[in-house]
Each structure stands twice: as C-alpha cells, then as structure tokens.
PDB file of N, CA and C in Angstrom:
ATOM      1  N   MET A   1     117.482  67.848 102.535  1.00  0.00           N
ATOM      2  CA  MET A   1     116.866  69.726 103.035  1.00  0.00           C
ATOM      3  C   MET A   1     118.208  69.132 104.210  1.00  0.00           C
ATOM      4  N   SER A   2     118.477  70.177 104.675  1.00  0.00           N
ATOM      5  CA  SER A   2     119.583  70.786 105.612  1.00  0.00           C
ATOM      6  C   SER A   2     118.634  70.583 107.336  1.00  0.00           C
ATOM      7  N   ASN A   3     119.551  70.465 108.023  1.00  0.00           N
ATOM      8  CA  ASN A   3     118.916  70.719 109.601  1.00  0.00           C
ATOM      9  C   ASN A   3     118.251  71.851 110.108  1.00  0.00           C
ATOM     10  N   SER A   4     117.522  72.174 110.092  1.00  0.00           N
ATOM     11  CA  SER A   4     116.555  73.422 110.580  1.00  0.00           C
ATOM     12  C   SER A   4     117.014  74.182 111.361  1.00  0.00           C
ATOM     13  N   ASN A   5     118.560  73.695 112.220  1.00  0.00           N
ATOM     14  CA  ASN A   5     119.444  74.879 112.857  1.00  0.00           C
ATOM     15  C   ASN A   5     120.535  75.029 112.199  1.00  0.00           C
ATOM     16  N   GLU A   6     120.629  74.717 111.197  1.00  0.00           N
ATOM     17  CA  GLU A   6     121.999  74.963 110.162  1.00  0.00           C
ATOM     18  C   GLU A   6     121.652  76.128 109.557  1.00  0.00           C
ATOM     19  N   PRO A   7     122.185  77.613 108.798  1.00  0.00           N
ATOM     20  CA  PRO A   7     121.504  78.580 107.828  1.00  0.00           C
ATOM     21  C   PRO A   7     120.875  77.816 106.978  1.00  0.00           C
ATOM     22  N   ILE A   8     120.605  78.989 106.286  1.00  0.00           N
ATOM     23  CA  ILE A   8     119.875  78.579 104.842  1.00  0.00           C
ATOM     24  C   ILE A   8     120.940  79.527 103.769  1.00  0.00           C
ATOM     25  N   LYS A   9     121.275  78.372 102.650  1.00  0.00           N
ATOM     26  CA  LYS A   9     121.827  79.645 101.632  1.00  0.00           C
ATOM     27  C   LYS A   9     121.164  80.055 100.450  1.00  0.00           C
ATOM     28  N   ALA A  10     121.015  81.400 100.148  1.00  0.00           N
ATOM     29  CA  ALA A  10     120.563  81.712  99.288  1.00  0.00           C
ATOM     30  C   ALA A  10     121.209  83.157  98.303  1.00  0.00           C
ATOM     31  N   PHE A  11     120.520  83.443  97.533  1.00  0.00           N
ATOM     32  CA  PHE A  11     121.242  84.342  96.628  1.00  0.00           C
ATOM     33  C   PHE A  11     120.020  85.197  95.774  1.00  0.00           C
ATOM     34  N   VAL A  12     120.129  86.273  95.616  1.00  0.00           N
ATOM     35  CA  VAL A  12     119.299  87.526  94.838  1.00  0.00           C
ATOM     36  C   VAL A  12     119.341  87.141  93.824  1.00  0.00           C
ATOM     37  N   ASP A  13     118.177  86.474  93.118  1.00  0.00           N
ATOM     38  CA  ASP A  13     118.215  86.681  91.687  1.00  0.00           C
ATOM     39  C   ASP A  13     118.085  88.183  90.860  1.00  0.00           C
ATOM     40  N   ARG A  14     117.220  88.362  91.243  1.00  0.00           N
ATOM     41  CA  ARG A  14     116.815  89.734  90.669  1.00  0.00           C
ATOM     42  C   ARG A  14     115.973  90.805  91.750  1.00  0.00           C
ATOM     43  N   ILE A  15     116.199  92.251  91.315  1.00  0.00           N
ATOM     44  CA  ILE A  15     114.931  93.151  92.023  1.00  0.00           C
ATOM     45  C   ILE A  15     114.288  93.608  91.138  1.00  0.00           C
ATOM     46  N   GLU A  16     113.034  93.843  91.575  1.00  0.00           N
ATOM     47  CA  GLU A  16     112.176  93.923  90.948  1.00  0.00           C
ATOM     48  C   GLU A  16     110.991  94.631  92.036  1.00  0.00           C
ATOM     49  N   SER A  17     110.887  96.439  91.347  1.00  0.00           N
ATOM     50  CA  SER A  17     110.048  97.434  91.988  1.00  0.00           C
ATOM     51  C   SER A  17     110.515  97.284  94.170  1.00  0.00           C
ATOM     52  N   GLY A  18     111.764  97.544  93.915  1.00  0.00           N
ATOM     53  CA  GLY A  18     111.803  97.187  95.759  1.00  0.00           C
ATOM     54  C   GLY A  18     111.404  96.192  96.564  1.00  0.00           C
ATOM     55  N   LEU A  19     111.842  94.759  95.345  1.00  0.00           N
ATOM     56  CA  LEU A  19     111.468  93.598  96.024  1.00  0.00           C
ATOM     57  C   LEU A  19     112.613  92.588  95.537  1.00  0.00           C
ATOM     58  N   ALA A  20     113.768  92.040  96.403  1.00  0.00           N
ATOM     59  CA  ALA A  20     114.399  91.219  96.327  1.00  0.00           C
ATOM     60  C   ALA A  20     114.251  89.625  95.937  1.00  0.00           C
ATOM     61  N   VAL A  21     113.948  89.361  94.395  1.00  0.00           N
ATOM     62  CA  VAL A  21     114.174  87.976  94.514  1.00  0.00           C
ATOM     63  C   VAL A  21     114.731  86.867  94.633  1.00  0.00           C
ATOM     64  N   ILE A  22     114.440  86.202  95.924  1.00  0.00           N
ATOM     65  CA  ILE A  22     115.741  85.486  96.729  1.00  0.00           C
ATOM     66  C   ILE A  22     115.183  84.080  96.427  1.00  0.00           C
ATOM     67  N   LEU A  23     116.514  82.862  95.916  1.00  0.00           N
ATOM     68  CA  LEU A  23     115.961  81.721  95.135  1.00  0.00           C
ATOM     69  C   LEU A  23     117.169  80.907  96.653  1.00  0.00           C
ATOM     70  N   LEU A  24     116.323  80.196  97.110  1.00  0.00           N
ATOM     71  CA  LEU A  24     117.267  79.103  97.936  1.00  0.00           C
ATOM     72  C   LEU A  24     118.675  78.369  97.061  1.00  0.00           C
ATOM     73  N   SER A  25     119.616  78.007  97.749  1.00  0.00           N
ATOM     74  CA  SER A  25     120.658  77.544  96.810  1.00  0.00           C
ATOM     75  C   SER A  25     120.920  76.374  96.726  1.00  0.00           C
ATOM     76  N   ASP A  26     120.018  75.513  97.294  1.00  0.00           N
ATOM     77  CA  ASP A  26     120.076  74.342  97.292  1.00  0.00           C
ATOM     78  C   ASP A  26     119.454  73.321  96.199  1.00  0.00           C
ATOM     79  N   GLY A  27     118.345  74.002  95.348  1.00  0.00           N
ATOM     80  CA  GLY A  27     118.239  73.154  93.958  1.00  0.00           C
ATOM     81  C   GLY A  27     116.943  72.916  94.226  1.00  0.00           C
ATOM     82  N   SER A  28     116.596  73.472  95.551  1.00  0.00           N
ATOM     83  CA  SER A  28     114.904  73.264  95.603  1.00  0.00           C
ATOM     84  C   SER A  28     113.871  73.822  94.693  1.00  0.00           C
ATOM     85  N   GLY A  29     114.478  74.611  94.080  1.00  0.00           N
ATOM     86  CA  GLY A  29     113.838  76.207  93.471  1.00  0.00           C
ATOM     87  C   GLY A  29     112.448  76.632  94.266  1.00  0.00           C
ATOM     88  N   VAL A  30     112.668  76.862  95.395  1.00  0.00           N
ATOM     89  CA  VAL A  30     111.871  77.434  96.608  1.00  0.00           C
ATOM     90  C   VAL A  30     112.417  79.309  96.079  1.00  0.00           C
ATOM     91  N   GLN A  31     111.625  79.840  96.098  1.00  0.00           N
ATOM     92  CA  GLN A  31     111.573  81.485  95.477  1.00  0.00           C
ATOM     93  C   GLN A  31     110.791  82.631  96.170  1.00  0.00           C
ATOM     94  N   PHE A  32     111.241  83.302  96.969  1.00  0.00           N
ATOM     95  CA  PHE A  32     110.252  84.246  97.431  1.00  0.00           C
ATOM     96  C   PHE A  32     110.785  85.968  96.938  1.00  0.00           C
ATOM     97  N   ASP A  33     109.925  86.573  97.606  1.00  0.00           N
ATOM     98  CA  ASP A  33     110.110  88.119  97.675  1.00  0.00           C
ATOM     99  C   ASP A  33     110.209  88.379  99.004  1.00  0.00           C
ATOM    100  N   LEU A  34     111.253  89.575  99.109  1.00  0.00           N
ATOM    101  CA  LEU A  34     111.235  90.188 100.391  1.00  0.00           C
ATOM    102  C   LEU A  34     111.645  91.582 100.098  1.00  0.00           C
ATOM    103  N   PRO A  35     110.949  92.589 100.589  1.00  0.00           N
ATOM    104  CA  PRO A  35     111.308  93.927 100.376  1.00  0.00           C
ATOM    105  C   PRO A  35     112.824  94.440 100.524  1.00  0.00           C
ATOM    106  N   LEU A  36     113.468  95.488 100.137  1.00  0.00           N
ATOM    107  CA  LEU A  36     114.709  95.538 100.318  1.00  0.00           C
ATOM    108  C   LEU A  36     115.175  96.079 101.251  1.00  0.00           C
ATOM    109  N   GLU A  37     114.248  96.754 102.069  1.00  0.00           N
ATOM    110  CA  GLU A  37     114.283  97.643 103.448  1.00  0.00           C
ATOM    111  C   GLU A  37     114.699  96.383 104.792  1.00  0.00           C
ATOM    112  N   TYR A  38     114.410  95.148 104.380  1.00  0.00           N
ATOM    113  CA  TYR A  38     114.874  93.622 105.160  1.00  0.00           C
ATOM    114  C   TYR A  38     116.496  93.147 105.144  1.00  0.00           C
ATOM    115  N   LEU A  39     116.927  93.656 104.261  1.00  0.00           N
ATOM    116  CA  LEU A  39     118.599  93.400 103.710  1.00  0.00           C
ATOM    117  C   LEU A  39     119.166  94.529 103.857  1.00  0.00           C
ATOM    118  N   PRO A  40     120.626  94.026 103.677  1.00  0.00           N
ATOM    119  CA  PRO A  40     121.403  95.510 103.873  1.00  0.00           C
ATOM    120  C   PRO A  40     121.362  96.229 102.792  1.00  0.00           C
ATOM    121  N   PRO A  41     121.902  97.262 103.244  1.00  0.00           N
ATOM    122  CA  PRO A  41     121.429  98.763 102.075  1.00  0.00           C
ATOM    123  C   PRO A  41     122.133  98.770 100.572  1.00  0.00           C
ATOM    124  N   GLU A  42     123.318  97.876 100.723  1.00  0.00           N
ATOM    125  CA  GLU A  42     124.168  97.467  99.338  1.00  0.00           C
ATOM    126  C   GLU A  42     123.670  96.345  98.421  1.00  0.00           C
ATOM    127  N   THR A  43     122.472  95.947  99.357  1.00  0.00           N
ATOM    128  CA  THR A  43     122.313  94.632  98.210  1.00  0.00           C
ATOM    129  C   THR A  43     122.003  94.719  96.681  1.00  0.00           C
ATOM    130  N   GLU A  44     122.244  93.754  96.175  1.00  0.00           N
ATOM    131  CA  GLU A  44     122.084  93.871  94.661  1.00  0.00           C
ATOM    132  C   GLU A  44     122.096  92.395  94.092  1.00  0.00           C
ATOM    133  N   ALA A  45     121.397  92.234  92.805  1.00  0.00           N
ATOM    134  CA  ALA A  45     121.489  91.325  92.133  1.00  0.00           C
ATOM    135  C   ALA A  45     122.644  90.167  92.185  1.00  0.00           C
ATOM    136  N   GLY A  46     122.507  89.112  92.520  1.00  0.00           N
ATOM    137  CA  GLY A  46     123.416  87.947  92.591  1.00  0.00           C
ATOM    138  C   GLY A  46     124.102  88.276  93.981  1.00  0.00           C
ATOM    139  N   ASP A  47     124.163  89.055  94.904  1.00  0.00           N
ATOM    140  CA  ASP A  47     124.478  88.679  96.208  1.00  0.00           C
ATOM    141  C   ASP A  47     124.022  87.499  96.686  1.00  0.00           C
ATOM    142  N   HIS A  48     124.845  86.929  97.632  1.00  0.00           N
ATOM    143  CA  HIS A  48     124.597  85.439  98.362  1.00  0.00           C
ATOM    144  C   HIS A  48     124.575  85.983  99.752  1.00  0.00           C
ATOM    145  N   LEU A  49     123.428  85.192 100.173  1.00  0.00           N
ATOM    146  CA  LEU A  49     122.808  85.679 101.358  1.00  0.00           C
ATOM    147  C   LEU A  49     122.753  84.344 102.606  1.00  0.00           C
ATOM    148  N   VAL A  50     122.678  84.323 103.611  1.00  0.00           N
ATOM    149  CA  VAL A  50     122.826  82.712 104.663  1.00  0.00           C
ATOM    150  C   VAL A  50     121.895  83.716 105.312  1.00  0.00           C
ATOM    151  N   ILE A  51     120.373  82.809 105.528  1.00  0.00           N
ATOM    152  CA  ILE A  51     119.503  83.249 105.999  1.00  0.00           C
ATOM    153  C   ILE A  51     119.284  82.177 107.533  1.00  0.00           C
ATOM    154  N   THR A  52     118.980  82.434 108.985  1.00  0.00           N
ATOM    155  CA  THR A  52     118.555  81.501 110.024  1.00  0.00           C
ATOM    156  C   THR A  52     117.426  82.028 110.387  1.00  0.00           C
ATOM    157  N   PHE A  53     116.635  81.064 111.043  1.00  0.00           N
ATOM    158  CA  PHE A  53     115.583  81.770 111.872  1.00  0.00           C
ATOM    159  C   PHE A  53     115.911  81.099 113.219  1.00  0.00           C
ATOM    160  N   GLN A  54     114.803  81.950 114.254  1.00  0.00           N
ATOM    161  CA  GLN A  54     114.892  81.512 115.630  1.00  0.00           C
ATOM    162  C   GLN A  54     113.565  81.951 116.492  1.00  0.00           C
ATOM    163  N   LEU A  55     113.572  80.761 116.943  1.00  0.00           N
ATOM    164  CA  LEU A  55     112.135  80.809 117.242  1.00  0.00           C
ATOM    165  C   LEU A  55     111.957  81.593 118.759  1.00  0.00           C
ATOM    166  N   ASP A  56     110.672  82.597 118.994  1.00  0.00           N
ATOM    167  CA  ASP A  56     110.390  83.686 119.961  1.00  0.00           C
ATOM    168  C   ASP A  56     109.458  83.163 120.735  1.00  0.00           C
ATOM    169  N   PRO A  57     109.843  82.579 121.862  1.00  0.00           N
ATOM    170  CA  PRO A  57     108.758  81.800 122.670  1.00  0.00           C
ATOM    171  C   PRO A  57     107.971  82.991 123.494  1.00  0.00           C
ATOM    172  N   GLU A  58     108.779  83.615 123.596  1.00  0.00           N
ATOM    173  CA  GLU A  58     107.945  84.968 124.650  1.00  0.00           C
ATOM    174  C   GLU A  58     107.032  85.711 124.248  1.00  0.00           C
ATOM    175  N   SER A  59     107.646  86.093 122.740  1.00  0.00           N
ATOM    176  CA  SER A  59     106.415  86.741 121.805  1.00  0.00           C
ATOM    177  C   SER A  59     105.100  85.780 121.612  1.00  0.00           C
ATOM    178  N   ARG A  60     105.550  84.731 121.649  1.00  0.00           N
ATOM    179  CA  ARG A  60     104.523  83.518 121.376  1.00  0.00           C
ATOM    180  C   ARG A  60     103.835  83.060 122.635  1.00  0.00           C
ATOM    181  N   GLU A  61     103.992  83.449 123.662  1.00  0.00           N
ATOM    182  CA  GLU A  61     103.232  83.682 125.041  1.00  0.00           C
ATOM    183  C   GLU A  61     102.506  84.829 125.166  1.00  0.00           C
ATOM    184  N   GLU A  62     103.371  86.152 124.182  1.00  0.00           N
ATOM    185  CA  GLU A  62     102.324  86.824 124.937  1.00  0.00           C
ATOM    186  C   GLU A  62     101.528  87.312 124.344  1.00  0.00           C
ATOM    187  N   THR A  63     101.404  86.367 122.654  1.00  0.00           N
ATOM    188  CA  THR A  63     100.258  86.482 121.614  1.00  0.00           C
ATOM    189  C   THR A  63      99.314  85.422 122.229  1.00  0.00           C
ATOM    190  N   LEU A  64      99.724  84.893 122.986  1.00  0.00           N
ATOM    191  CA  LEU A  64      98.666  83.503 123.552  1.00  0.00           C
ATOM    192  C   LEU A  64      97.574  83.990 124.547  1.00  0.00           C
ATOM    193  N   ARG A  65      98.360  85.304 125.532  1.00  0.00           N
ATOM    194  CA  ARG A  65      98.041  85.911 126.526  1.00  0.00           C
ATOM    195  C   ARG A  65      96.946  86.402 126.138  1.00  0.00           C
ATOM    196  N   SER A  66      96.894  87.581 124.790  1.00  0.00           N
ATOM    197  CA  SER A  66      96.273  88.702 124.183  1.00  0.00           C
ATOM    198  C   SER A  66      95.506  87.841 124.071  1.00  0.00           C
ATOM    199  N   ILE A  67      95.259  87.158 123.131  1.00  0.00           N
ATOM    200  CA  ILE A  67      94.440  85.923 122.540  1.00  0.00           C
ATOM    201  C   ILE A  67      93.184  85.811 123.520  1.00  0.00           C
ATOM    202  N   ALA A  68      93.793  84.840 124.792  1.00  0.00           N
ATOM    203  CA  ALA A  68      92.797  84.776 125.711  1.00  0.00           C
ATOM    204  C   ALA A  68      91.880  85.858 126.407  1.00  0.00           C
ATOM    205  N   ASP A  69      92.695  87.010 126.754  1.00  0.00           N
ATOM    206  CA  ASP A  69      92.210  88.030 127.292  1.00  0.00           C
ATOM    207  C   ASP A  69      91.105  88.581 126.538  1.00  0.00           C
ATOM    208  N   LEU A  70      91.369  88.476 124.927  1.00  0.00           N
ATOM    209  CA  LEU A  70      90.698  89.150 123.815  1.00  0.00           C
ATOM    210  C   LEU A  70      89.609  88.500 124.119  1.00  0.00           C
ATOM    211  N   LYS A  71      89.897  86.810 124.042  1.00  0.00           N
ATOM    212  CA  LYS A  71      88.203  86.153 124.068  1.00  0.00           C
ATOM    213  C   LYS A  71      87.182  86.214 125.037  1.00  0.00           C
ATOM    214  N   LYS A  72      88.455  86.259 126.399  1.00  0.00           N
ATOM    215  CA  LYS A  72      87.805  86.372 127.625  1.00  0.00           C
ATOM    216  C   LYS A  72      86.605  87.826 127.842  1.00  0.00           C
ATOM    217  N   ARG A  73      87.273  88.885 126.837  1.00  0.00           N
ATOM    218  CA  ARG A  73      86.320  90.405 126.573  1.00  0.00           C
ATOM    219  C   ARG A  73      85.228  90.145 125.704  1.00  0.00           C
ATOM    220  N   LEU A  74      85.654  89.374 125.010  1.00  0.00           N
ATOM    221  CA  LEU A  74      84.268  88.997 124.185  1.00  0.00           C
ATOM    222  C   LEU A  74      83.006  88.355 124.325  1.00  0.00           C
ATOM    223  N   SER A  75      83.463  87.094 125.367  1.00  0.00           N
ATOM    224  CA  SER A  75      82.358  86.324 125.611  1.00  0.00           C
ATOM    225  C   SER A  75      81.623  86.797 126.595  1.00  0.00           C
ATOM    226  N   GLU A  76      80.610  86.887 126.845  1.00  0.00           N
ATOM    227  CA  GLU A  76      79.101  86.936 127.922  1.00  0.00           C
ATOM    228  C   GLU A  76      79.207  86.317 129.192  1.00  0.00           C
ATOM    229  N   ASP A  77      79.291  87.353 130.111  1.00  0.00           N
ATOM    230  CA  ASP A  77      79.376  87.053 131.475  1.00  0.00           C
ATOM    231  C   ASP A  77      78.696  85.680 131.647  1.00  0.00           C
ATOM    232  N   SER A  78      77.544  84.899 131.203  1.00  0.00           N
ATOM    233  CA  SER A  78      76.877  84.074 131.029  1.00  0.00           C
ATOM    234  C   SER A  78      77.177  82.909 130.594  1.00  0.00           C
ATOM    235  N   ASP A  79      78.457  82.825 130.174  1.00  0.00           N
ATOM    236  CA  ASP A  79      79.096  82.019 128.992  1.00  0.00           C
ATOM    237  C   ASP A  79      80.026  81.321 129.577  1.00  0.00           C
ATOM    238  N   PRO A  80      80.054  80.623 131.043  1.00  0.00           N
ATOM    239  CA  PRO A  80      81.295  80.315 131.511  1.00  0.00           C
ATOM    240  C   PRO A  80      82.251  79.497 130.983  1.00  0.00           C
ATOM    241  N   GLN A  81      81.751  78.767 130.059  1.00  0.00           N
ATOM    242  CA  GLN A  81      82.809  78.105 128.832  1.00  0.00           C
ATOM    243  C   GLN A  81      83.462  78.532 127.403  1.00  0.00           C
ATOM    244  N   GLN A  82      82.979  80.164 127.883  1.00  0.00           N
ATOM    245  CA  GLN A  82      83.417  81.479 126.985  1.00  0.00           C
ATOM    246  C   GLN A  82      83.472  80.467 125.908  1.00  0.00           C
ATOM    247  N   THR A  83      82.180  80.025 124.917  1.00  0.00           N
ATOM    248  CA  THR A  83      82.274  79.558 123.447  1.00  0.00           C
ATOM    249  C   THR A  83      81.706  80.202 122.545  1.00  0.00           C
ATOM    250  N   GLU A  84      80.729  81.305 123.567  1.00  0.00           N
ATOM    251  CA  GLU A  84      79.912  82.202 122.373  1.00  0.00           C
ATOM    252  C   GLU A  84      80.604  83.616 122.558  1.00  0.00           C
ATOM    253  N   PHE A  85      80.856  83.733 121.266  1.00  0.00           N
ATOM    254  CA  PHE A  85      81.372  86.202 121.262  1.00  0.00           C
ATOM    255  C   PHE A  85      80.414  86.463 120.560  1.00  0.00           C
ATOM    256  N   LYS A  86      80.558  87.783 121.113  1.00  0.00           N
ATOM    257  CA  LYS A  86      79.630  89.577 121.008  1.00  0.00           C
ATOM    258  C   LYS A  86      80.423  89.387 119.315  1.00  0.00           C
ATOM    259  N   LEU A  87      79.879  89.418 118.514  1.00  0.00           N
ATOM    260  CA  LEU A  87      80.413  90.350 117.185  1.00  0.00           C
ATOM    261  C   LEU A  87      79.784  91.866 116.732  1.00  0.00           C
TER     262      LEU A  87
END
C-alpha cells in the first residue's frame, strides 16, 4: 500500500451504462464505478488515471456546526443535556 499522500494509479477497465469501471493499478483488485461525468470528456476504456484525495477541514467544520445547530433545534428547552429529540 502506498503513502496516503501519493497519487493512486488506476485505469478504466470498461464503460457500462454511463459508468466507468475503474481498477486500481496496484494489483489489490480494488474496483469501483464512477459516473462518466466526473471524468474528462474524452475518457475511454483503457485510459490510465491518477487519483488524489485531499481533506476538506472547512467543510467538515461546517457540517459539524450544522449538526450541532440541528440537534439544538430538535431538543426541547427542558432538556439542557440535549439528549431527547422531537421526531
């Protein structure tokens, strides 16, 4: 397994019903489907890809704030611990 900061090499095995079937090139057998709209327009079977991931801490914090706000709105005023929710 490679370092998580390194790009991941993969290739498009085939295209079926608007989905690219992508296999990692590391021999792990990992395969996943990805809608073609997320790939360059000229992508076709046999093309090689370089995949990278990047954390998005700002988005994570925004989501946590949103969840906290929702929990607060759903809890009753008589529940200071915010453990009971209205459904």
